[in-house]
Amino acid sequence: MKGVNLQVWSIFLVFLYSNSAVADSVIDTLFEYYDISPKTKYDIKPEIQKNTPIINKSIKFHGSTTWQVEWIISWKKTNGICYIDSGEAKLNVLFKMPRISPDFSASDEVLGVFNKYYDALLKHENGHMNNGIRALKDIDLLLSNFYSYNDCQVLNEAVKNSITKIVGKYKSHDITYYTQTKHGRLQGVSIKDFI
């Protein structure tokens, strides 16, 4: 059976350093799986290549991680000064990964090889999530220590621009991570290493 069959949500509440403003963070992770049905350990890669929904510029990938940061602030104006009263940031992470179809009875040998490969792939994908977590931490620090302004709309725009820069920085780190790891191959994400 092709397609995404299972979604699993995990929610982690993270309280990061906060000074005058309250900055709380939540990390939501979602796993979407696509199914494979390899009869032998040598069928794992062809099954992944055949069934992966992860395609970018005609290149098929075995796994992927996307992340995005949502944020909200509230501010107060006292004595003509507008400042952040509270702020929240949330990191949404989506992993797309292969799995042995629950409708398929794989041999112990296939399961052993696949599980080792899956672990290596997930370790690589967690590197991408870590960039999102670093962005989230920087955003929380920013929200906890942001400057005050005379105009609340100017404050809001300044926060938005600062967060956009932080996210851009860590999205750029994701691209560098891809290049430095050769899409995980230098971290052992190669099925042939487990066969």
N, C-alpha and C. Protein backbone atom coordinates (compact mmCIF):
# COMPACT_ATOMS: atom_id res chain seq x y z
N MET A 1 0.85 -1.17 0.00
CA MET A 1 0.00 0.00 0.00
C MET A 1 0.90 1.23 0.00
N LYS A 2 0.72 2.11 -0.96
CA LYS A 2 1.50 3.33 -1.04
C LYS A 2 0.84 4.42 -0.24
N GLY A 3 1.63 5.47 0.04
CA GLY A 3 1.05 6.65 0.65
C GLY A 3 1.38 6.75 2.13
N VAL A 4 0.94 7.82 2.67
CA VAL A 4 1.17 8.10 4.07
C VAL A 4 0.05 7.43 4.86
N ASN A 5 0.43 6.55 5.77
CA ASN A 5 -0.56 5.77 6.48
C ASN A 5 -0.68 6.11 7.95
N LEU A 6 0.32 6.74 8.51
CA LEU A 6 0.32 6.93 9.95
C LEU A 6 0.87 8.29 10.29
N GLN A 7 0.22 8.96 11.18
CA GLN A 7 0.74 10.21 11.70
C GLN A 7 0.81 10.09 13.21
N VAL A 8 1.96 10.41 13.76
CA VAL A 8 2.17 10.32 15.18
C VAL A 8 2.63 11.68 15.67
N TRP A 9 1.91 12.27 16.59
CA TRP A 9 2.27 13.58 17.15
C TRP A 9 2.94 13.39 18.49
N SER A 10 3.97 14.14 18.71
CA SER A 10 4.60 14.22 20.03
C SER A 10 4.69 15.68 20.39
N ILE A 11 4.41 16.00 21.62
CA ILE A 11 4.49 17.39 22.06
C ILE A 11 5.46 17.45 23.23
N PHE A 12 6.42 18.35 23.12
CA PHE A 12 7.39 18.57 24.18
C PHE A 12 7.26 20.01 24.63
N LEU A 13 7.13 20.24 25.91
CA LEU A 13 7.07 21.58 26.43
C LEU A 13 8.46 21.95 26.90
N VAL A 14 8.95 23.05 26.40
CA VAL A 14 10.28 23.48 26.72
C VAL A 14 10.19 24.87 27.32
N PHE A 15 10.73 25.04 28.50
CA PHE A 15 10.80 26.36 29.10
C PHE A 15 12.25 26.80 29.02
N LEU A 16 12.48 27.85 28.30
CA LEU A 16 13.83 28.35 28.11
C LEU A 16 14.04 29.59 28.97
N TYR A 17 15.28 30.01 29.05
CA TYR A 17 15.64 31.16 29.85
C TYR A 17 14.73 32.35 29.55
N SER A 18 14.25 32.95 30.57
CA SER A 18 13.36 34.09 30.42
C SER A 18 13.72 35.12 31.45
N ASN A 19 13.71 36.39 31.01
CA ASN A 19 14.03 37.41 31.97
C ASN A 19 12.80 38.28 32.19
N SER A 20 12.66 39.45 31.66
CA SER A 20 11.50 40.28 32.01
C SER A 20 10.21 39.79 31.35
N ALA A 21 10.28 39.34 30.14
CA ALA A 21 9.09 38.82 29.46
C ALA A 21 9.05 37.31 29.64
N VAL A 22 7.87 36.75 29.58
CA VAL A 22 7.73 35.31 29.69
C VAL A 22 7.81 34.73 28.28
N ALA A 23 8.78 33.86 28.05
CA ALA A 23 8.92 33.23 26.74
C ALA A 23 8.85 31.72 26.93
N ASP A 24 7.77 31.13 26.49
CA ASP A 24 7.59 29.68 26.58
C ASP A 24 7.65 29.10 25.18
N SER A 25 8.08 27.86 25.10
CA SER A 25 8.20 27.21 23.80
C SER A 25 7.57 25.83 23.83
N VAL A 26 7.05 25.45 22.70
CA VAL A 26 6.51 24.12 22.50
C VAL A 26 7.12 23.57 21.22
N ILE A 27 7.46 22.29 21.24
CA ILE A 27 7.94 21.61 20.04
C ILE A 27 6.93 20.52 19.70
N ASP A 28 6.31 20.64 18.54
CA ASP A 28 5.38 19.62 18.04
C ASP A 28 6.08 18.84 16.94
N THR A 29 6.13 17.53 17.08
CA THR A 29 6.72 16.69 16.03
C THR A 29 5.64 15.79 15.46
N LEU A 30 5.66 15.67 14.15
CA LEU A 30 4.73 14.82 13.44
C LEU A 30 5.53 13.89 12.54
N PHE A 31 5.21 12.61 12.60
CA PHE A 31 5.82 11.63 11.71
C PHE A 31 4.78 11.19 10.70
N GLU A 32 5.14 11.28 9.43
CA GLU A 32 4.35 10.70 8.35
C GLU A 32 5.19 9.59 7.73
N TYR A 33 4.58 8.44 7.59
CA TYR A 33 5.30 7.29 7.07
C TYR A 33 4.78 6.90 5.69
N TYR A 34 5.70 6.44 4.86
CA TYR A 34 5.31 5.79 3.61
C TYR A 34 5.76 4.34 3.71
N ASP A 35 4.98 3.45 3.16
CA ASP A 35 5.18 2.01 3.34
C ASP A 35 6.04 1.39 2.26
N ILE A 36 6.83 0.42 2.70
CA ILE A 36 7.60 -0.41 1.77
C ILE A 36 7.36 -1.87 2.14
N SER A 37 7.57 -2.77 1.19
CA SER A 37 7.35 -4.21 1.40
C SER A 37 8.50 -5.01 0.82
N PRO A 38 9.70 -4.92 1.41
CA PRO A 38 10.86 -5.64 0.86
C PRO A 38 10.86 -7.12 1.25
N LYS A 39 11.01 -7.96 0.26
CA LYS A 39 11.04 -9.41 0.51
C LYS A 39 12.41 -9.85 1.03
N THR A 40 13.46 -9.17 0.56
CA THR A 40 14.82 -9.47 1.03
C THR A 40 15.48 -8.16 1.44
N LYS A 41 16.63 -8.28 2.09
CA LYS A 41 17.35 -7.06 2.49
C LYS A 41 17.80 -6.27 1.27
N TYR A 42 17.98 -6.94 0.15
CA TYR A 42 18.40 -6.26 -1.08
C TYR A 42 17.25 -5.48 -1.73
N ASP A 43 16.04 -5.76 -1.31
CA ASP A 43 14.86 -5.06 -1.84
C ASP A 43 14.55 -3.76 -1.10
N ILE A 44 15.23 -3.52 0.01
CA ILE A 44 14.89 -2.33 0.81
C ILE A 44 15.09 -1.05 0.02
N LYS A 45 16.26 -0.86 -0.56
CA LYS A 45 16.51 0.38 -1.30
C LYS A 45 15.59 0.53 -2.50
N PRO A 46 15.43 -0.52 -3.34
CA PRO A 46 14.51 -0.36 -4.47
C PRO A 46 13.06 -0.06 -4.03
N GLU A 47 12.64 -0.65 -2.92
CA GLU A 47 11.30 -0.38 -2.40
C GLU A 47 11.17 1.08 -1.94
N ILE A 48 12.20 1.57 -1.28
CA ILE A 48 12.18 2.97 -0.84
C ILE A 48 12.16 3.88 -2.06
N GLN A 49 13.02 3.60 -3.03
CA GLN A 49 13.08 4.43 -4.25
C GLN A 49 11.73 4.42 -4.99
N LYS A 50 11.07 3.28 -4.99
CA LYS A 50 9.79 3.16 -5.69
C LYS A 50 8.67 3.89 -4.96
N ASN A 51 8.68 3.87 -3.64
CA ASN A 51 7.54 4.34 -2.86
C ASN A 51 7.70 5.70 -2.20
N THR A 52 8.91 6.26 -2.19
CA THR A 52 9.09 7.53 -1.50
C THR A 52 8.27 8.65 -2.15
N PRO A 53 7.58 9.42 -1.34
CA PRO A 53 6.87 10.59 -1.86
C PRO A 53 7.75 11.84 -1.82
N ILE A 54 9.00 11.68 -1.37
CA ILE A 54 9.89 12.82 -1.17
C ILE A 54 10.74 13.01 -2.41
N ILE A 55 10.34 13.95 -3.24
CA ILE A 55 11.03 14.21 -4.50
C ILE A 55 11.26 15.71 -4.61
N ASN A 56 12.50 16.08 -4.89
CA ASN A 56 12.85 17.48 -5.05
C ASN A 56 13.74 17.61 -6.29
N LYS A 57 13.29 18.36 -7.27
CA LYS A 57 14.03 18.54 -8.52
C LYS A 57 14.37 17.19 -9.15
N SER A 58 13.39 16.31 -9.22
CA SER A 58 13.49 14.97 -9.81
C SER A 58 14.40 14.02 -9.04
N ILE A 59 14.86 14.42 -7.86
CA ILE A 59 15.70 13.55 -7.04
C ILE A 59 14.83 12.97 -5.93
N LYS A 60 14.89 11.66 -5.76
CA LYS A 60 14.12 10.99 -4.72
C LYS A 60 14.95 10.89 -3.45
N PHE A 61 14.31 11.21 -2.32
CA PHE A 61 14.95 11.13 -1.02
C PHE A 61 14.24 10.10 -0.16
N HIS A 62 14.99 9.50 0.76
CA HIS A 62 14.44 8.44 1.60
C HIS A 62 13.71 9.00 2.81
N GLY A 63 14.14 10.15 3.31
CA GLY A 63 13.51 10.79 4.46
C GLY A 63 13.63 12.29 4.33
N SER A 64 12.81 13.00 5.08
CA SER A 64 12.92 14.46 5.08
C SER A 64 12.42 15.02 6.40
N THR A 65 12.90 16.21 6.69
CA THR A 65 12.48 16.95 7.88
C THR A 65 12.21 18.38 7.45
N THR A 66 11.04 18.86 7.78
CA THR A 66 10.74 20.27 7.58
C THR A 66 10.34 20.85 8.92
N TRP A 67 10.69 22.09 9.14
CA TRP A 67 10.33 22.74 10.39
C TRP A 67 9.93 24.18 10.13
N GLN A 68 9.09 24.67 11.02
CA GLN A 68 8.63 26.05 10.92
C GLN A 68 8.35 26.55 12.33
N VAL A 69 8.58 27.84 12.54
CA VAL A 69 8.38 28.46 13.84
C VAL A 69 7.16 29.37 13.77
N GLU A 70 6.26 29.21 14.74
CA GLU A 70 5.13 30.12 14.91
C GLU A 70 5.40 30.91 16.20
N TRP A 71 4.96 32.13 16.24
CA TRP A 71 5.17 32.93 17.44
C TRP A 71 4.02 33.90 17.64
N ILE A 72 3.88 34.31 18.89
CA ILE A 72 2.89 35.31 19.24
C ILE A 72 3.45 36.13 20.41
N ILE A 73 3.21 37.41 20.38
CA ILE A 73 3.62 38.27 21.49
C ILE A 73 2.45 39.13 21.93
N SER A 74 2.53 39.54 23.16
CA SER A 74 1.62 40.59 23.63
C SER A 74 2.51 41.69 24.21
N TRP A 75 2.06 42.89 24.10
CA TRP A 75 2.85 44.00 24.61
C TRP A 75 1.99 44.90 25.46
N LYS A 76 2.67 45.72 26.23
CA LYS A 76 2.02 46.73 27.06
C LYS A 76 2.68 48.06 26.77
N LYS A 77 1.91 49.10 26.98
CA LYS A 77 2.46 50.44 26.85
C LYS A 77 2.26 51.15 28.18
N THR A 78 3.37 51.54 28.77
CA THR A 78 3.36 52.23 30.05
C THR A 78 4.23 53.47 29.93
N ASN A 79 3.68 54.60 30.33
CA ASN A 79 4.43 55.87 30.28
C ASN A 79 5.02 56.13 28.90
N GLY A 80 4.26 55.79 27.86
CA GLY A 80 4.69 56.05 26.49
C GLY A 80 5.71 55.07 25.95
N ILE A 81 6.02 54.02 26.70
CA ILE A 81 6.99 53.02 26.27
C ILE A 81 6.25 51.70 26.03
N CYS A 82 6.45 51.14 24.84
CA CYS A 82 5.83 49.85 24.47
C CYS A 82 6.87 48.76 24.62
N TYR A 83 6.51 47.70 25.34
CA TYR A 83 7.44 46.60 25.57
C TYR A 83 6.70 45.27 25.51
N ILE A 84 7.46 44.20 25.25
CA ILE A 84 6.87 42.87 25.19
C ILE A 84 6.52 42.44 26.61
N ASP A 85 5.25 42.10 26.80
CA ASP A 85 4.78 41.61 28.09
C ASP A 85 4.94 40.10 28.18
N SER A 86 4.62 39.40 27.09
CA SER A 86 4.81 37.96 27.05
C SER A 86 5.00 37.53 25.60
N GLY A 87 5.64 36.41 25.44
CA GLY A 87 5.87 35.87 24.10
C GLY A 87 5.89 34.36 24.14
N GLU A 88 5.41 33.76 23.08
CA GLU A 88 5.43 32.31 22.94
C GLU A 88 5.93 31.98 21.54
N ALA A 89 6.71 30.94 21.46
CA ALA A 89 7.16 30.44 20.17
C ALA A 89 6.91 28.94 20.13
N LYS A 90 6.58 28.46 18.96
CA LYS A 90 6.27 27.03 18.78
C LYS A 90 7.02 26.54 17.55
N LEU A 91 7.65 25.40 17.68
CA LEU A 91 8.36 24.77 16.58
C LEU A 91 7.54 23.58 16.10
N ASN A 92 7.17 23.58 14.84
CA ASN A 92 6.47 22.46 14.21
C ASN A 92 7.48 21.71 13.35
N VAL A 93 7.62 20.42 13.60
CA VAL A 93 8.57 19.60 12.86
C VAL A 93 7.81 18.44 12.21
N LEU A 94 8.04 18.26 10.92
CA LEU A 94 7.43 17.14 10.19
C LEU A 94 8.54 16.25 9.64
N PHE A 95 8.53 14.99 10.10
CA PHE A 95 9.43 13.97 9.57
C PHE A 95 8.64 13.12 8.59
N LYS A 96 9.19 12.87 7.41
CA LYS A 96 8.64 11.90 6.47
C LYS A 96 9.66 10.78 6.37
N MET A 97 9.21 9.56 6.73
CA MET A 97 10.14 8.44 6.85
C MET A 97 9.52 7.17 6.28
N PRO A 98 10.39 6.22 5.86
CA PRO A 98 9.88 4.93 5.40
C PRO A 98 9.55 4.03 6.59
N ARG A 99 8.71 3.07 6.35
CA ARG A 99 8.46 2.02 7.34
C ARG A 99 8.08 0.75 6.60
N ILE A 100 8.29 -0.38 7.26
CA ILE A 100 7.81 -1.65 6.72
C ILE A 100 6.30 -1.64 6.87
N SER A 101 5.60 -1.91 5.81
CA SER A 101 4.14 -1.88 5.84
C SER A 101 3.60 -2.80 6.94
N PRO A 102 2.64 -2.30 7.72
CA PRO A 102 2.05 -3.17 8.75
C PRO A 102 1.29 -4.35 8.15
N ASP A 103 0.96 -4.26 6.86
CA ASP A 103 0.26 -5.35 6.17
C ASP A 103 1.23 -6.37 5.56
N PHE A 104 2.53 -6.18 5.79
CA PHE A 104 3.54 -7.03 5.18
C PHE A 104 4.32 -7.74 6.28
N SER A 105 4.56 -9.00 6.10
CA SER A 105 5.31 -9.79 7.07
C SER A 105 6.76 -9.91 6.60
N ALA A 106 7.62 -9.07 7.13
CA ALA A 106 9.03 -9.07 6.74
C ALA A 106 9.81 -10.08 7.58
N SER A 107 10.86 -10.62 6.99
CA SER A 107 11.72 -11.57 7.71
C SER A 107 12.51 -10.82 8.79
N ASP A 108 13.02 -11.57 9.76
CA ASP A 108 13.85 -10.96 10.81
C ASP A 108 15.08 -10.30 10.21
N GLU A 109 15.64 -10.91 9.18
CA GLU A 109 16.83 -10.34 8.54
C GLU A 109 16.49 -8.98 7.91
N VAL A 110 15.38 -8.91 7.19
CA VAL A 110 14.95 -7.65 6.57
C VAL A 110 14.69 -6.60 7.65
N LEU A 111 13.98 -6.99 8.70
CA LEU A 111 13.68 -6.05 9.79
C LEU A 111 14.96 -5.54 10.45
N GLY A 112 15.92 -6.43 10.67
CA GLY A 112 17.18 -6.02 11.29
C GLY A 112 17.92 -4.99 10.45
N VAL A 113 18.04 -5.26 9.15
CA VAL A 113 18.74 -4.33 8.25
C VAL A 113 17.96 -3.02 8.16
N PHE A 114 16.65 -3.12 7.97
CA PHE A 114 15.84 -1.91 7.84
C PHE A 114 15.93 -1.06 9.11
N ASN A 115 15.81 -1.66 10.27
CA ASN A 115 15.84 -0.90 11.53
C ASN A 115 17.16 -0.17 11.73
N LYS A 116 18.26 -0.80 11.36
CA LYS A 116 19.57 -0.13 11.46
C LYS A 116 19.63 1.06 10.50
N TYR A 117 19.15 0.85 9.29
CA TYR A 117 19.14 1.93 8.31
C TYR A 117 18.22 3.06 8.77
N TYR A 118 17.04 2.71 9.25
CA TYR A 118 16.07 3.70 9.73
C TYR A 118 16.69 4.55 10.85
N ASP A 119 17.37 3.90 11.79
CA ASP A 119 18.00 4.63 12.90
C ASP A 119 19.03 5.63 12.39
N ALA A 120 19.85 5.22 11.41
CA ALA A 120 20.85 6.13 10.83
C ALA A 120 20.17 7.30 10.10
N LEU A 121 19.11 6.99 9.36
CA LEU A 121 18.37 8.03 8.64
C LEU A 121 17.73 9.01 9.62
N LEU A 122 17.10 8.49 10.67
CA LEU A 122 16.46 9.37 11.65
C LEU A 122 17.48 10.22 12.39
N LYS A 123 18.64 9.65 12.69
CA LYS A 123 19.71 10.44 13.33
C LYS A 123 20.09 11.62 12.44
N HIS A 124 20.21 11.38 11.14
CA HIS A 124 20.51 12.47 10.21
C HIS A 124 19.38 13.49 10.19
N GLU A 125 18.15 13.03 10.11
CA GLU A 125 17.01 13.95 10.05
C GLU A 125 16.88 14.77 11.34
N ASN A 126 17.27 14.18 12.46
CA ASN A 126 17.26 14.93 13.72
C ASN A 126 18.23 16.11 13.68
N GLY A 127 19.28 16.00 12.87
CA GLY A 127 20.18 17.14 12.69
C GLY A 127 19.46 18.35 12.12
N HIS A 128 18.51 18.09 11.21
CA HIS A 128 17.70 19.19 10.68
C HIS A 128 16.78 19.75 11.76
N MET A 129 16.16 18.87 12.53
CA MET A 129 15.30 19.35 13.61
C MET A 129 16.11 20.18 14.61
N ASN A 130 17.35 19.79 14.85
CA ASN A 130 18.18 20.54 15.79
C ASN A 130 18.40 21.98 15.34
N ASN A 131 18.46 22.20 14.02
CA ASN A 131 18.55 23.58 13.54
C ASN A 131 17.29 24.35 13.91
N GLY A 132 16.14 23.71 13.80
CA GLY A 132 14.89 24.35 14.22
C GLY A 132 14.87 24.63 15.71
N ILE A 133 15.39 23.70 16.50
CA ILE A 133 15.44 23.90 17.95
C ILE A 133 16.36 25.06 18.30
N ARG A 134 17.49 25.15 17.62
CA ARG A 134 18.40 26.29 17.86
C ARG A 134 17.72 27.61 17.49
N ALA A 135 16.98 27.60 16.40
CA ALA A 135 16.23 28.81 16.02
C ALA A 135 15.22 29.16 17.10
N LEU A 136 14.53 28.17 17.61
CA LEU A 136 13.53 28.38 18.66
C LEU A 136 14.17 28.98 19.91
N LYS A 137 15.32 28.46 20.31
CA LYS A 137 16.02 28.98 21.49
C LYS A 137 16.44 30.43 21.27
N ASP A 138 16.95 30.72 20.08
CA ASP A 138 17.35 32.10 19.79
C ASP A 138 16.14 33.03 19.80
N ILE A 139 15.01 32.56 19.30
CA ILE A 139 13.79 33.37 19.29
C ILE A 139 13.30 33.61 20.71
N ASP A 140 13.35 32.58 21.55
CA ASP A 140 12.95 32.76 22.94
C ASP A 140 13.84 33.76 23.66
N LEU A 141 15.14 33.67 23.41
CA LEU A 141 16.06 34.62 24.02
C LEU A 141 15.76 36.03 23.52
N LEU A 142 15.50 36.15 22.24
CA LEU A 142 15.14 37.44 21.65
C LEU A 142 13.89 38.01 22.31
N LEU A 143 12.85 37.18 22.42
CA LEU A 143 11.59 37.66 23.01
C LEU A 143 11.75 38.04 24.47
N SER A 144 12.64 37.36 25.17
CA SER A 144 12.86 37.65 26.59
C SER A 144 13.64 38.92 26.83
N ASN A 145 14.35 39.37 25.82
CA ASN A 145 15.26 40.51 26.01
C ASN A 145 15.08 41.59 24.95
N PHE A 146 13.90 41.70 24.37
CA PHE A 146 13.72 42.63 23.25
C PHE A 146 13.64 44.07 23.74
N TYR A 147 14.10 44.97 22.88
CA TYR A 147 14.09 46.40 23.19
C TYR A 147 12.66 46.93 23.31
N SER A 148 12.53 48.03 24.01
CA SER A 148 11.24 48.71 24.06
C SER A 148 11.23 49.82 23.00
N TYR A 149 10.02 50.21 22.59
CA TYR A 149 9.83 51.23 21.57
C TYR A 149 8.74 52.20 22.03
N ASN A 150 8.70 53.35 21.40
CA ASN A 150 7.61 54.29 21.68
C ASN A 150 6.32 53.87 20.99
N ASP A 151 6.44 53.17 19.88
CA ASP A 151 5.29 52.79 19.06
C ASP A 151 5.17 51.26 19.05
N CYS A 152 4.00 50.74 19.43
CA CYS A 152 3.81 49.29 19.51
C CYS A 152 3.83 48.62 18.14
N GLN A 153 3.37 49.29 17.10
CA GLN A 153 3.43 48.72 15.75
C GLN A 153 4.88 48.60 15.28
N VAL A 154 5.71 49.57 15.63
CA VAL A 154 7.13 49.50 15.30
C VAL A 154 7.77 48.34 16.05
N LEU A 155 7.38 48.17 17.31
CA LEU A 155 7.87 47.03 18.09
C LEU A 155 7.49 45.72 17.40
N ASN A 156 6.25 45.59 17.01
CA ASN A 156 5.78 44.36 16.36
C ASN A 156 6.56 44.08 15.08
N GLU A 157 6.78 45.10 14.26
CA GLU A 157 7.55 44.92 13.01
C GLU A 157 9.00 44.55 13.30
N ALA A 158 9.57 45.16 14.34
CA ALA A 158 10.96 44.85 14.70
C ALA A 158 11.09 43.39 15.15
N VAL A 159 10.12 42.92 15.93
CA VAL A 159 10.12 41.52 16.36
C VAL A 159 10.01 40.60 15.15
N LYS A 160 9.05 40.90 14.27
CA LYS A 160 8.84 40.08 13.07
C LYS A 160 10.12 40.01 12.22
N ASN A 161 10.76 41.16 12.00
CA ASN A 161 11.98 41.18 11.18
C ASN A 161 13.11 40.41 11.86
N SER A 162 13.22 40.52 13.17
CA SER A 162 14.28 39.81 13.90
C SER A 162 14.06 38.31 13.85
N ILE A 163 12.82 37.88 14.02
CA ILE A 163 12.52 36.44 13.96
C ILE A 163 12.76 35.90 12.56
N THR A 164 12.37 36.66 11.54
CA THR A 164 12.60 36.24 10.16
C THR A 164 14.09 36.04 9.89
N LYS A 165 14.93 36.92 10.44
CA LYS A 165 16.38 36.77 10.28
C LYS A 165 16.90 35.51 10.97
N ILE A 166 16.39 35.25 12.17
CA ILE A 166 16.82 34.06 12.90
C ILE A 166 16.43 32.80 12.13
N VAL A 167 15.19 32.72 11.68
CA VAL A 167 14.73 31.55 10.93
C VAL A 167 15.56 31.39 9.66
N GLY A 168 15.81 32.49 8.95
CA GLY A 168 16.63 32.43 7.74
C GLY A 168 18.02 31.90 8.01
N LYS A 169 18.60 32.31 9.12
CA LYS A 169 19.93 31.85 9.50
C LYS A 169 19.95 30.33 9.66
N TYR A 170 18.96 29.78 10.36
CA TYR A 170 18.96 28.34 10.61
C TYR A 170 18.46 27.54 9.41
N LYS A 171 17.67 28.12 8.55
CA LYS A 171 17.32 27.44 7.28
C LYS A 171 18.59 27.34 6.42
N SER A 172 19.41 28.37 6.47
CA SER A 172 20.69 28.34 5.77
C SER A 172 21.60 27.25 6.36
N HIS A 173 21.55 27.09 7.68
CA HIS A 173 22.33 26.03 8.33
C HIS A 173 21.85 24.66 7.85
N ASP A 174 20.54 24.51 7.60
CA ASP A 174 20.01 23.25 7.07
C ASP A 174 20.64 22.93 5.71
N ILE A 175 20.74 23.92 4.86
CA ILE A 175 21.34 23.72 3.54
C ILE A 175 22.80 23.33 3.68
N THR A 176 23.52 23.99 4.57
CA THR A 176 24.92 23.66 4.82
C THR A 176 25.04 22.24 5.36
N TYR A 177 24.13 21.87 6.25
CA TYR A 177 24.12 20.52 6.83
C TYR A 177 23.94 19.46 5.74
N TYR A 178 23.01 19.72 4.81
CA TYR A 178 22.83 18.81 3.67
C TYR A 178 24.14 18.63 2.92
N THR A 179 24.78 19.75 2.61
CA THR A 179 26.01 19.72 1.82
C THR A 179 27.14 19.03 2.57
N GLN A 180 27.32 19.40 3.84
CA GLN A 180 28.43 18.85 4.63
C GLN A 180 28.28 17.35 4.87
N THR A 181 27.05 16.88 4.98
CA THR A 181 26.84 15.45 5.24
C THR A 181 26.55 14.66 3.96
N LYS A 182 26.52 15.36 2.83
CA LYS A 182 26.14 14.76 1.54
C LYS A 182 24.82 14.01 1.70
N HIS A 183 23.83 14.74 2.23
CA HIS A 183 22.48 14.20 2.48
C HIS A 183 22.52 12.98 3.40
N GLY A 184 23.45 12.99 4.35
CA GLY A 184 23.54 11.93 5.34
C GLY A 184 24.51 10.81 5.02
N ARG A 185 24.97 10.75 3.78
CA ARG A 185 25.88 9.65 3.40
C ARG A 185 27.15 9.63 4.25
N LEU A 186 27.68 10.82 4.60
CA LEU A 186 28.88 10.87 5.42
C LEU A 186 28.60 10.51 6.88
N GLN A 187 27.33 10.38 7.23
CA GLN A 187 26.93 9.97 8.58
C GLN A 187 26.48 8.50 8.61
N GLY A 188 26.73 7.79 7.53
CA GLY A 188 26.38 6.38 7.49
C GLY A 188 24.96 6.09 7.02
N VAL A 189 24.32 7.07 6.37
CA VAL A 189 22.97 6.84 5.86
C VAL A 189 23.10 6.27 4.45
N SER A 190 23.43 4.98 4.42
CA SER A 190 23.55 4.25 3.17
C SER A 190 23.14 2.81 3.45
N ILE A 191 22.14 2.34 2.77
CA ILE A 191 21.63 0.99 3.02
C ILE A 191 22.69 -0.06 2.81
N LYS A 192 23.63 0.19 1.89
CA LYS A 192 24.68 -0.80 1.64
C LYS A 192 25.57 -1.01 2.86
N ASP A 193 25.62 -0.03 3.78
CA ASP A 193 26.41 -0.20 5.00
C ASP A 193 25.81 -1.22 5.95
N PHE A 194 24.55 -1.58 5.74
CA PHE A 194 23.86 -2.47 6.67
C PHE A 194 23.55 -3.85 6.07
N ILE A 195 23.85 -4.01 4.78
CA ILE A 195 23.55 -5.29 4.12
C ILE A 195 24.72 -6.24 4.27
